[in-house]
Protein backbone atom coordinates (compact mmCIF):
# COMPACT_ATOMS: atom_id res chain seq x y z
CA UNK A 1 34.23 -125.57 146.98
CA UNK A 2 30.61 -124.74 147.70
CA UNK A 3 30.14 -123.56 144.10
CA UNK A 4 31.71 -126.76 142.76
CA UNK A 5 29.44 -129.02 144.83
CA UNK A 6 26.39 -126.97 143.81
CA UNK A 7 27.48 -127.21 140.16
CA UNK A 8 27.82 -131.00 140.43
CA UNK A 9 24.28 -131.15 141.80
CA UNK A 10 23.21 -128.96 138.87
CA UNK A 11 24.80 -131.41 136.43
CA UNK A 12 22.78 -134.17 138.08
CA UNK A 13 19.59 -132.32 137.08
CA UNK A 14 20.79 -131.03 133.67
CA UNK A 15 22.00 -134.49 132.56
CA UNK A 16 18.55 -136.02 133.06
CA UNK A 17 17.49 -137.35 129.63
CA UNK A 18 14.42 -135.08 129.42
CA UNK A 19 16.46 -131.98 130.26
CA UNK A 20 19.13 -133.01 127.75
CA UNK A 21 16.42 -133.10 125.09
CA UNK A 22 15.30 -129.56 126.06
CA UNK A 23 18.92 -128.37 125.91
CA UNK A 24 19.31 -129.92 122.45
CA UNK A 25 16.03 -128.36 121.27
CA UNK A 26 17.11 -124.93 122.53
CA UNK A 27 20.54 -125.27 120.89
CA UNK A 28 19.06 -126.30 117.52
CA UNK A 29 16.41 -123.57 117.65
CA UNK A 30 18.93 -120.94 118.70
CA UNK A 31 21.39 -121.84 115.96
CA UNK A 32 18.69 -121.95 113.29
CA UNK A 33 17.26 -118.61 114.43
CA UNK A 34 20.72 -117.04 114.70
CA UNK A 35 21.42 -117.93 111.07
CA UNK A 36 18.34 -116.02 109.85
CA UNK A 37 19.15 -112.30 109.55
CA UNK A 38 17.18 -109.99 111.83
CA UNK A 39 15.82 -112.74 114.10
CA UNK A 40 17.82 -112.97 117.30
CA UNK A 41 17.55 -114.68 120.69
CA UNK A 42 15.30 -111.93 122.08
CA UNK A 43 12.58 -112.53 119.47
CA UNK A 44 12.93 -116.32 119.75
CA UNK A 45 12.52 -116.42 123.53
CA UNK A 46 9.67 -113.87 123.34
CA UNK A 47 7.80 -116.11 120.88
CA UNK A 48 8.45 -119.19 123.02
CA UNK A 49 7.19 -117.61 126.27
CA UNK A 50 3.45 -118.20 125.60
CA UNK A 51 4.19 -121.78 124.51
CA UNK A 52 6.33 -122.75 127.51
CA UNK A 53 3.83 -121.83 130.24
CA UNK A 54 2.95 -125.52 130.70
CA UNK A 55 6.59 -126.66 130.85
CA UNK A 56 8.45 -127.11 134.15
CA UNK A 57 10.59 -124.03 134.97
CA UNK A 58 13.90 -125.94 134.97
CA UNK A 59 13.25 -127.44 131.53
CA UNK A 60 12.10 -124.09 130.13
CA UNK A 61 15.19 -122.20 131.30
CA UNK A 62 17.53 -124.95 130.11
CA UNK A 63 15.93 -124.54 126.67
CA UNK A 64 16.19 -120.71 126.87
CA UNK A 65 19.89 -121.00 127.77
CA UNK A 66 20.40 -123.15 124.67
CA UNK A 67 18.59 -120.56 122.55
CA UNK A 68 20.76 -117.75 123.98
CA UNK A 69 24.08 -119.47 123.26
CA UNK A 70 22.86 -121.02 119.99
CA UNK A 71 21.81 -117.68 118.52
CA UNK A 72 25.27 -116.30 119.23
CA UNK A 73 26.82 -119.23 117.34
CA UNK A 74 24.37 -118.96 114.44
CA UNK A 75 24.82 -115.20 114.07
CA UNK A 76 28.40 -115.70 112.92
CA UNK A 77 27.26 -117.86 109.96
CA UNK A 78 25.16 -115.18 108.29
CA UNK A 79 27.75 -112.50 109.13
CA UNK A 80 30.56 -114.46 107.46
CA UNK A 81 28.72 -115.90 104.46
CA UNK A 82 26.33 -113.07 103.58
CA UNK A 83 27.89 -110.04 105.32
CA UNK A 84 24.52 -109.64 107.09
CA UNK A 85 24.92 -109.46 110.89
CA UNK A 86 21.74 -110.59 112.62
CA UNK A 87 22.85 -108.99 115.90
CA UNK A 88 24.85 -105.82 116.55
CA UNK A 89 27.56 -107.89 118.26
CA UNK A 90 28.27 -109.71 114.97
CA UNK A 91 29.14 -106.55 113.03
CA UNK A 92 32.89 -106.79 113.66
CA UNK A 93 32.91 -110.51 112.75
CA UNK A 94 31.40 -109.63 109.37
CA UNK A 95 34.23 -107.20 108.51
CA UNK A 96 36.95 -109.85 108.14
CA UNK A 97 34.83 -113.01 108.01
CA UNK A 98 33.02 -112.06 104.80
CA UNK A 99 36.34 -111.11 103.15
CA UNK A 100 37.68 -114.58 104.08
CA UNK A 101 34.57 -116.21 102.61
CA UNK A 102 34.89 -114.24 99.37
CA UNK A 103 38.48 -115.40 99.15
CA UNK A 104 37.31 -119.04 99.36
CA UNK A 105 38.15 -119.50 103.06
CA UNK A 106 34.60 -119.51 104.43
CA UNK A 107 35.06 -122.85 106.20
CA UNK A 108 38.11 -121.58 108.10
CA UNK A 109 36.26 -118.41 109.13
CA UNK A 110 33.23 -120.40 110.32
CA UNK A 111 35.46 -122.87 112.17
CA UNK A 112 37.43 -120.22 114.08
CA UNK A 113 34.14 -118.47 114.93
CA UNK A 114 32.55 -121.70 116.21
CA UNK A 115 35.59 -122.81 118.22
CA UNK A 116 36.11 -119.28 119.54
CA UNK A 117 32.47 -119.22 120.63
CA UNK A 118 32.97 -122.54 122.43
CA UNK A 119 36.14 -121.37 124.21
CA UNK A 120 34.63 -118.02 125.19
CA UNK A 121 31.31 -119.54 126.22
CA UNK A 122 33.00 -122.15 128.42
CA UNK A 123 35.35 -119.66 130.11
CA UNK A 124 32.49 -117.17 130.61
CA UNK A 125 30.33 -119.91 132.14
CA UNK A 126 33.19 -120.67 134.53
CA UNK A 127 33.07 -116.97 135.42
CA UNK A 128 29.33 -117.24 136.11
CA UNK A 129 29.91 -120.34 138.25
CA UNK A 130 32.40 -118.70 140.59
CA UNK A 131 31.57 -114.99 140.28
CA UNK A 132 27.75 -114.92 140.38
CA UNK A 133 27.39 -116.45 143.89
CA UNK A 134 29.81 -113.84 145.28
CA UNK A 135 27.82 -110.99 143.71
CA UNK A 136 24.62 -112.51 145.10
CA UNK A 137 26.14 -112.56 148.60
CA UNK A 138 27.24 -108.92 148.30
CA UNK A 139 23.74 -107.95 147.19
CA UNK A 140 22.38 -108.82 150.64
CA UNK A 141 24.05 -105.69 152.04
CA UNK A 142 22.15 -103.43 149.62
CA UNK A 143 19.52 -101.16 151.17
CA UNK A 144 16.34 -100.01 149.39
CA UNK A 145 18.10 -96.73 148.49
CA UNK A 146 21.07 -98.68 147.06
CA UNK A 147 18.77 -100.80 144.90
CA UNK A 148 16.94 -97.70 143.65
CA UNK A 149 20.23 -95.99 142.78
CA UNK A 150 21.50 -99.14 141.03
CA UNK A 151 18.31 -99.34 138.96
CA UNK A 152 18.64 -95.65 138.02
CA UNK A 153 22.20 -96.37 136.88
CA UNK A 154 21.02 -99.34 134.83
CA UNK A 155 18.16 -97.35 133.27
CA UNK A 156 20.43 -94.43 132.35
CA UNK A 157 23.20 -96.68 131.05
CA UNK A 158 21.01 -98.70 128.74
CA UNK A 159 19.15 -95.64 127.43
CA UNK A 160 22.28 -93.60 126.71
CA UNK A 161 24.59 -96.36 125.46
CA UNK A 162 22.14 -98.10 123.10
CA UNK A 163 21.09 -96.42 119.88
CA UNK A 164 22.52 -93.55 117.89
CA UNK A 165 20.94 -90.77 119.96
CA UNK A 166 20.66 -90.18 123.72
CA UNK A 167 17.35 -88.34 123.19
CA UNK A 168 15.85 -91.29 121.31
CA UNK A 169 17.12 -93.65 123.99
CA UNK A 170 15.51 -91.59 126.77
CA UNK A 171 12.21 -91.34 124.85
CA UNK A 172 12.21 -95.15 124.48
CA UNK A 173 12.89 -95.44 128.23
CA UNK A 174 9.98 -93.10 129.09
CA UNK A 175 7.66 -95.17 126.88
CA UNK A 176 8.70 -98.30 128.78
CA UNK A 177 8.21 -96.59 132.16
CA UNK A 178 4.72 -95.43 131.11
CA UNK A 179 3.74 -98.97 130.07
CA UNK A 180 5.13 -100.29 133.35
CA UNK A 181 2.75 -98.24 135.55
CA UNK A 182 -0.46 -99.14 133.68
CA UNK A 183 -2.98 -100.78 136.04
CA UNK A 184 -3.84 -100.53 139.73
CA UNK A 185 -1.23 -99.04 142.05
CA UNK A 186 -0.51 -101.73 144.63
CA UNK A 187 -0.11 -99.24 147.51
CA UNK A 188 -2.94 -96.75 146.91
CA UNK A 189 -5.40 -98.87 144.93
CA UNK A 190 -5.74 -96.10 142.31
CA UNK A 191 -6.06 -96.97 138.61
CA UNK A 192 -3.25 -95.50 136.50
CA UNK A 193 -3.29 -94.95 132.71
CA UNK A 194 -6.20 -97.36 132.20
CA UNK A 195 -8.34 -94.78 130.33
CA UNK A 196 -11.47 -96.25 131.87
CA UNK A 197 -10.89 -99.75 130.46
CA UNK A 198 -11.43 -102.59 132.98
CA UNK A 199 -9.23 -104.83 130.80
CA UNK A 200 -6.21 -102.68 131.70
CA UNK A 201 -6.69 -102.75 135.49
CA UNK A 202 -4.29 -105.70 135.79
CA UNK A 203 -1.69 -103.90 133.69
CA UNK A 204 -0.32 -104.74 130.27
CA UNK A 205 0.81 -108.34 129.85
CA UNK A 206 4.59 -108.28 129.47
CA UNK A 207 4.64 -111.08 126.89
CA UNK A 208 2.30 -109.03 124.68
CA UNK A 209 4.75 -106.12 124.67
CA UNK A 210 7.73 -108.37 123.95
CA UNK A 211 6.10 -110.14 121.02
CA UNK A 212 4.64 -106.89 119.67
CA UNK A 213 7.91 -104.96 119.60
CA UNK A 214 10.08 -107.77 118.29
CA UNK A 215 7.81 -109.84 116.04
CA UNK A 216 5.06 -107.51 114.79
CA UNK A 217 7.24 -104.40 114.54
CA UNK A 218 10.00 -106.32 112.74
CA UNK A 219 7.55 -107.92 110.29
CA UNK A 220 6.02 -104.52 109.42
CA UNK A 221 9.49 -103.07 108.90
CA UNK A 222 10.67 -105.91 106.63
CA UNK A 223 7.39 -105.94 104.67
CA UNK A 224 7.53 -102.17 104.06
CA UNK A 225 11.00 -102.50 102.52
CA UNK A 226 10.77 -105.88 100.82
CA UNK A 227 10.09 -104.67 97.26
CA UNK A 228 12.73 -101.95 97.31
CA UNK A 229 15.36 -104.03 99.16
CA UNK A 230 14.88 -107.76 98.33
CA UNK A 231 17.42 -109.96 100.16
CA UNK A 232 20.40 -110.98 98.07
CA UNK A 233 21.21 -114.65 98.57
CA UNK A 234 24.86 -115.23 97.65
CA UNK A 235 26.18 -118.55 98.98
CA UNK A 236 29.97 -118.50 98.96
CA UNK A 237 32.68 -121.09 98.61
CA UNK A 238 33.74 -122.79 101.84
CA UNK A 239 37.27 -123.84 100.97
CA UNK A 240 39.66 -125.63 103.29
CA UNK A 241 39.15 -126.03 107.04
CA UNK A 242 41.51 -124.41 109.59
CA UNK A 243 45.20 -125.00 108.94
CA UNK A 244 47.92 -125.33 111.57
CA UNK A 245 48.81 -121.67 110.96
CA UNK A 246 45.17 -120.65 111.48
CA UNK A 247 45.12 -122.42 114.86
CA UNK A 248 48.34 -120.67 115.83
CA UNK A 249 46.91 -117.26 114.90
CA UNK A 250 43.50 -117.86 116.54
CA UNK A 251 44.05 -119.18 120.07
CA UNK A 252 45.39 -115.94 121.57
CA UNK A 253 42.57 -113.80 120.08
CA UNK A 254 40.06 -116.30 121.54
CA UNK A 255 41.46 -115.74 125.04
CA UNK A 256 41.84 -111.96 124.64
CA UNK A 257 38.28 -111.68 123.27
CA UNK A 258 36.94 -113.57 126.28
CA UNK A 259 38.90 -111.25 128.61
CA UNK A 260 37.21 -108.24 126.98
CA UNK A 261 33.74 -109.71 126.64
CA UNK A 262 32.85 -111.25 130.00
CA UNK A 263 33.70 -108.33 132.36
CA UNK A 264 32.09 -105.72 130.08
CA UNK A 265 29.02 -107.90 129.49
CA UNK A 266 28.59 -108.27 133.27
CA UNK A 267 28.51 -104.48 133.83
CA UNK A 268 25.21 -102.53 133.99
CA UNK A 269 26.51 -100.56 130.99
CA UNK A 270 27.49 -103.77 129.23
CA UNK A 271 26.51 -105.16 125.89
CA UNK A 272 28.29 -106.84 123.00
CA UNK A 273 29.16 -103.82 120.84
CA UNK A 274 31.93 -102.33 123.02
CA UNK A 275 33.94 -105.54 123.70
CA UNK A 276 33.75 -106.70 120.06
CA UNK A 277 34.99 -103.30 118.85
CA UNK A 278 37.79 -103.30 121.45
CA UNK A 279 38.79 -106.84 120.52
CA UNK A 280 38.95 -105.99 116.81
CA UNK A 281 41.05 -102.88 117.52
CA UNK A 282 43.48 -104.77 119.79
CA UNK A 283 43.89 -107.66 117.35
CA UNK A 284 44.63 -105.21 114.56
CA UNK A 285 47.36 -103.61 116.69
CA UNK A 286 48.89 -106.92 117.82
CA UNK A 287 48.61 -108.83 114.53
CA UNK A 288 51.89 -109.78 112.83
CA UNK A 289 50.13 -109.41 109.48
CA UNK A 290 48.38 -106.00 109.75
CA UNK A 291 48.23 -105.75 105.96
CA UNK A 292 45.65 -108.57 105.97
CA UNK A 293 43.11 -106.55 108.01
CA UNK A 294 40.42 -105.35 105.66
CA UNK A 295 41.19 -108.26 103.32
CA UNK A 296 40.35 -111.26 105.55
CA UNK A 297 42.52 -111.55 108.68
CA UNK A 298 41.53 -114.57 110.75
CA UNK A 299 42.36 -112.70 113.99
CA UNK A 300 39.60 -110.23 113.11
CA UNK A 301 37.10 -113.10 113.20
CA UNK A 302 38.45 -115.07 116.18
CA UNK A 303 38.76 -112.18 118.67
CA UNK A 304 35.44 -110.32 118.12
CA UNK A 305 33.43 -113.56 117.94
CA UNK A 306 34.90 -114.73 121.27
CA UNK A 307 34.21 -111.30 122.79
CA UNK A 308 30.62 -111.42 121.49
CA UNK A 309 29.87 -114.78 123.08
CA UNK A 310 31.63 -113.98 126.37
CA UNK A 311 29.66 -110.72 126.66
CA UNK A 312 26.40 -112.57 125.94
CA UNK A 313 27.20 -114.92 128.84
CA UNK A 314 28.21 -111.96 131.03
CA UNK A 315 24.68 -110.52 130.94
CA UNK A 316 23.58 -113.46 133.09
CA UNK A 317 25.64 -112.23 136.07
CA UNK A 318 23.66 -109.01 136.84
CA UNK A 319 20.45 -110.75 135.75
CA UNK A 320 20.72 -113.73 138.11
CA UNK A 321 22.36 -111.94 141.06
CA UNK A 322 20.72 -108.48 141.07
CA UNK A 323 17.68 -108.91 138.81
CA UNK A 324 19.08 -106.26 136.44
CA UNK A 325 18.66 -106.81 132.68
CA UNK A 326 21.37 -105.12 130.60
CA UNK A 327 20.10 -106.09 127.13
CA UNK A 328 16.86 -106.88 125.33
CA UNK A 329 17.53 -110.62 125.64
CA UNK A 330 18.21 -110.29 129.38
CA UNK A 331 14.98 -108.29 129.78
CA UNK A 332 13.01 -111.09 128.14
CA UNK A 333 14.73 -113.71 130.30
CA UNK A 334 13.75 -111.64 133.35
CA UNK A 335 10.16 -111.63 132.09
CA UNK A 336 10.38 -115.41 131.72
CA UNK A 337 11.50 -115.75 135.36
CA UNK A 338 8.63 -113.53 136.49
CA UNK A 339 6.10 -115.52 134.45
CA UNK A 340 7.05 -118.52 136.62
CA UNK A 341 6.72 -116.49 139.82
CA UNK A 342 10.51 -116.24 140.27
CA UNK A 343 12.38 -112.99 140.95
CA UNK A 344 16.08 -112.98 139.97
CA UNK A 345 18.27 -111.45 142.66
CA UNK A 346 20.24 -112.52 145.72
CA UNK A 347 17.38 -114.70 147.02
CA UNK A 348 17.19 -116.68 143.76
CA UNK A 349 20.32 -118.64 144.71
CA UNK A 350 18.78 -119.64 148.04
CA UNK A 351 15.08 -119.98 147.11
CA UNK A 352 15.58 -121.65 143.70
CA UNK A 353 18.98 -123.24 144.27
CA UNK A 354 18.35 -126.35 142.14
CA UNK A 355 16.99 -124.40 139.16
CA UNK A 356 19.83 -121.86 139.04
CA UNK A 357 22.61 -124.44 139.18
CA UNK A 358 20.86 -126.72 136.70
CA UNK A 359 20.69 -123.81 134.23
CA UNK A 360 24.38 -122.96 134.80
CA UNK A 361 25.32 -126.63 134.30
CA UNK A 362 23.23 -126.71 131.11
CA UNK A 363 25.35 -123.86 129.71
CA UNK A 364 28.39 -126.17 129.73
CA UNK A 365 26.38 -128.97 128.12
CA UNK A 366 24.82 -126.65 125.54
CA UNK A 367 28.24 -125.31 124.57
CA UNK A 368 29.44 -128.82 123.71
CA UNK A 369 26.22 -129.57 121.81
CA UNK A 370 26.60 -126.36 119.83
CA UNK A 371 30.19 -127.13 118.85
CA UNK A 372 29.07 -130.55 117.57
CA UNK A 373 26.11 -128.99 115.74
CA UNK A 374 27.95 -126.07 114.17
CA UNK A 375 31.17 -127.56 112.83
CA UNK A 376 29.78 -130.39 110.64
CA UNK A 377 26.34 -128.89 109.87
CA UNK A 378 27.28 -125.41 108.65
CA UNK A 379 26.05 -126.23 105.13
CA UNK A 380 22.63 -127.19 106.49
CA UNK A 381 22.26 -123.96 108.47
CA UNK A 382 23.20 -121.90 105.43
CA UNK A 383 20.35 -123.49 103.45
CA UNK A 384 17.89 -121.91 105.90
CA UNK A 385 18.82 -118.61 104.23
CA UNK A 386 17.02 -119.83 101.10
CA UNK A 387 13.59 -119.67 102.83
CA UNK A 388 11.67 -116.77 101.19
CA UNK A 389 11.27 -113.88 103.62
CA UNK A 390 7.47 -113.53 103.08
CA UNK A 391 6.87 -117.17 104.10
CA UNK A 392 9.19 -116.90 107.08
CA UNK A 393 7.69 -113.72 108.54
CA UNK A 394 4.11 -114.74 107.80
CA UNK A 395 4.71 -117.88 109.86
CA UNK A 396 6.18 -115.83 112.71
CA UNK A 397 3.17 -113.47 112.70
CA UNK A 398 0.68 -116.35 112.87
CA UNK A 399 2.71 -118.00 115.64
CA UNK A 400 2.79 -114.72 117.57
CA UNK A 401 -0.98 -114.14 117.32
CA UNK A 402 -1.80 -117.70 118.38
CA UNK A 403 0.58 -117.41 121.32
CA UNK A 404 -0.87 -114.09 122.52
CA UNK A 405 -4.45 -115.33 122.16
CA UNK A 406 -3.57 -118.48 124.07
CA UNK A 407 -2.32 -116.53 127.11
CA UNK A 408 -5.61 -114.85 128.03
CA UNK A 409 -8.06 -115.22 125.09
CA UNK A 410 -8.45 -111.43 125.26
CA UNK A 411 -9.29 -109.22 122.29
CA UNK A 412 -7.72 -106.33 124.21
CA UNK A 413 -4.37 -108.13 124.15
CA UNK A 414 -4.61 -108.53 120.37
CA UNK A 415 -5.48 -104.82 120.02
CA UNK A 416 -2.52 -103.87 122.24
CA UNK A 417 -0.31 -106.18 120.17
CA UNK A 418 -1.28 -104.32 117.00
CA UNK A 419 -0.84 -100.83 118.53
CA UNK A 420 2.51 -101.62 120.19
CA UNK A 421 3.63 -103.44 117.03
CA UNK A 422 2.86 -100.30 115.02
CA UNK A 423 4.88 -98.29 117.56
CA UNK A 424 7.72 -100.82 117.18
CA UNK A 425 7.65 -100.30 113.40
CA UNK A 426 7.86 -96.51 113.82
CA UNK A 427 10.75 -96.97 116.25
CA UNK A 428 12.60 -99.12 113.71
CA UNK A 429 12.04 -96.58 110.93
CA UNK A 430 13.32 -93.65 113.01
CA UNK A 431 16.10 -95.62 114.74
CA UNK A 432 14.71 -95.63 118.29
CA UNK A 433 16.32 -98.44 120.35
CA UNK A 434 13.94 -101.17 121.52
CA UNK A 435 15.87 -102.38 124.59
CA UNK A 436 15.21 -99.26 126.77
CA UNK A 437 11.44 -99.83 126.34
CA UNK A 438 11.69 -103.35 127.71
CA UNK A 439 14.06 -102.44 130.51
CA UNK A 440 11.96 -99.41 131.50
CA UNK A 441 8.85 -101.62 131.47
CA UNK A 442 10.46 -104.21 133.77
CA UNK A 443 12.72 -102.10 135.99
CA UNK A 444 10.35 -99.11 136.29
CA UNK A 445 7.87 -100.75 138.70
CA UNK A 446 10.76 -102.33 140.64
CA UNK A 447 12.52 -98.96 140.95
CA UNK A 448 9.26 -97.36 142.09
CA UNK A 449 8.84 -99.99 144.81
CA UNK A 450 12.39 -99.47 146.09
CA UNK A 451 11.98 -95.68 145.96
CA UNK A 452 8.81 -95.81 148.07
CA UNK A 453 10.43 -98.24 150.47
CA UNK A 454 13.49 -96.01 150.90
CA UNK A 455 11.34 -92.92 151.46
CA UNK A 456 9.15 -94.78 153.96
CA UNK A 457 12.25 -95.84 155.93
CA UNK A 458 13.48 -92.21 155.85
CA UNK A 459 10.07 -90.82 156.96
CA UNK A 460 9.59 -89.11 153.60
CA UNK A 461 12.95 -87.30 153.64
CA UNK A 462 14.45 -87.31 150.09
CA UNK A 463 17.94 -87.17 151.61
CA UNK A 464 17.43 -90.82 152.60
CA UNK A 465 18.21 -91.63 148.95
CA UNK A 466 21.77 -90.32 149.34
CA UNK A 467 22.41 -91.25 152.98
CA UNK A 468 24.42 -94.36 152.02
CA UNK A 469 27.86 -94.17 150.31
CA UNK A 470 26.90 -96.93 147.87
CA UNK A 471 23.78 -95.11 146.67
CA UNK A 472 25.81 -91.91 146.23
CA UNK A 473 28.32 -93.80 144.05
CA UNK A 474 25.58 -95.34 141.88
CA UNK A 475 23.70 -92.06 141.43
CA UNK A 476 26.95 -90.23 140.64
CA UNK A 477 27.80 -92.83 138.00
CA UNK A 478 24.30 -92.45 136.52
CA UNK A 479 24.82 -88.68 136.30
CA UNK A 480 28.23 -89.17 134.67
CA UNK A 481 26.81 -91.62 132.11
CA UNK A 482 24.07 -89.12 131.25
CA UNK A 483 26.07 -85.87 131.23
CA UNK A 484 29.65 -86.78 130.32
CA UNK A 485 29.08 -87.26 126.55
CA UNK A 486 27.34 -83.87 126.41
CA UNK A 487 30.16 -82.15 128.33
CA UNK A 488 32.83 -83.75 126.14
CA UNK A 489 30.98 -82.61 123.01
CA UNK A 490 30.81 -79.03 124.25
CA UNK A 491 34.48 -79.01 125.24
CA UNK A 492 35.40 -80.34 121.81
CA UNK A 493 33.23 -77.70 120.11
CA UNK A 494 34.78 -74.94 122.21
CA UNK A 495 38.31 -76.17 121.44
CA UNK A 496 37.51 -76.40 117.72
């Protein structure tokens, strides 16, 4: 009952005309960005961070929530029509959705994706409403050692799970940890990794790193491959909308996809890849028309797309309740909270009660807006694909440079943007995951603070880190996440 009354108060804030306009702006931006291949919610929010510094926190986060959900909706459009997933979570949608579009059933594929996104987003938001406050209450029993162990688990999980190689993931994590300790150590007053530059004493501005890795690195990567791999624009026939049979075959996959997506997305090892793959596999097993899979089965669109959106909503649970980002988008949202002087975690629900519940209420409102935007305006969003890539990315680069210069008017920030952007390009070329850099950059200093606090409480005894059963469980899980794939590989090699 307490959650329901708090949610009603949140609706009172979110339904204010000004906040409704911000929600609509975020939904439109998110959908438009999601339609463009390679530009996801992480890049969009990173580019908006320098611009939104003068906006009230509640309005800014209502807009960011619209961008997050809107990009998930928009990503299905390019996956289905062009077989070009903008996000990794849309890969499974593209398998069957593009086959449906090529068979002249593009409208039905887009409709089941949009409605599935709405169903999954609404149910996942209900999960946030009732589940997040409970997690926040449980977090009050965590000690400093528990928090440190939980952050180690999160760091290991993201580094090992994301990307094709554990080694590349760990190297990306170490780069993020190194960037996180640049500046003056708060406890000792010593300068760390500043290389004698006074401009680095305050550390590296987080927004600079975000924009550099996502915007500058992506632009360099696309530009280096534009002549050899020009984008193929191939608009496809839409055909008829969903039939009665399509509805009958879609509603169960929507619910099953949500059941996979939200719990997995809420885990520290979460993400959208695992639940979408599981959903696709289950729908293929349960489908009464298995011969259609690989040729345009509507269940293969409905289930994975619902799982994708539910998992995207699930990332908000550990972010809001524990301050743990489990994806690149969550890391950037955490940076946005910190730029407003807010620290996600158990105290966020008590210290910023109105803001949190207004944002949660705006998720319901944004979901309805997105359904209205996506169903009738699919043709309009598809026309955004006709924008020439050089014009699009040149505009993003200019926008990024103006935003970074506007934060501090510092030439050092522009130099760092170029250097980190170059590193981001190299990482793209050699398939190093970007998310561990961001999460190491954000969680590294927080983990260091909790480690020092735990050691201070234990009078410097390292055993204080494993004196609590909860910390032992988290550290054991971190070790399992890191070592289990290696052990399984060796057992398989020995058996073979």
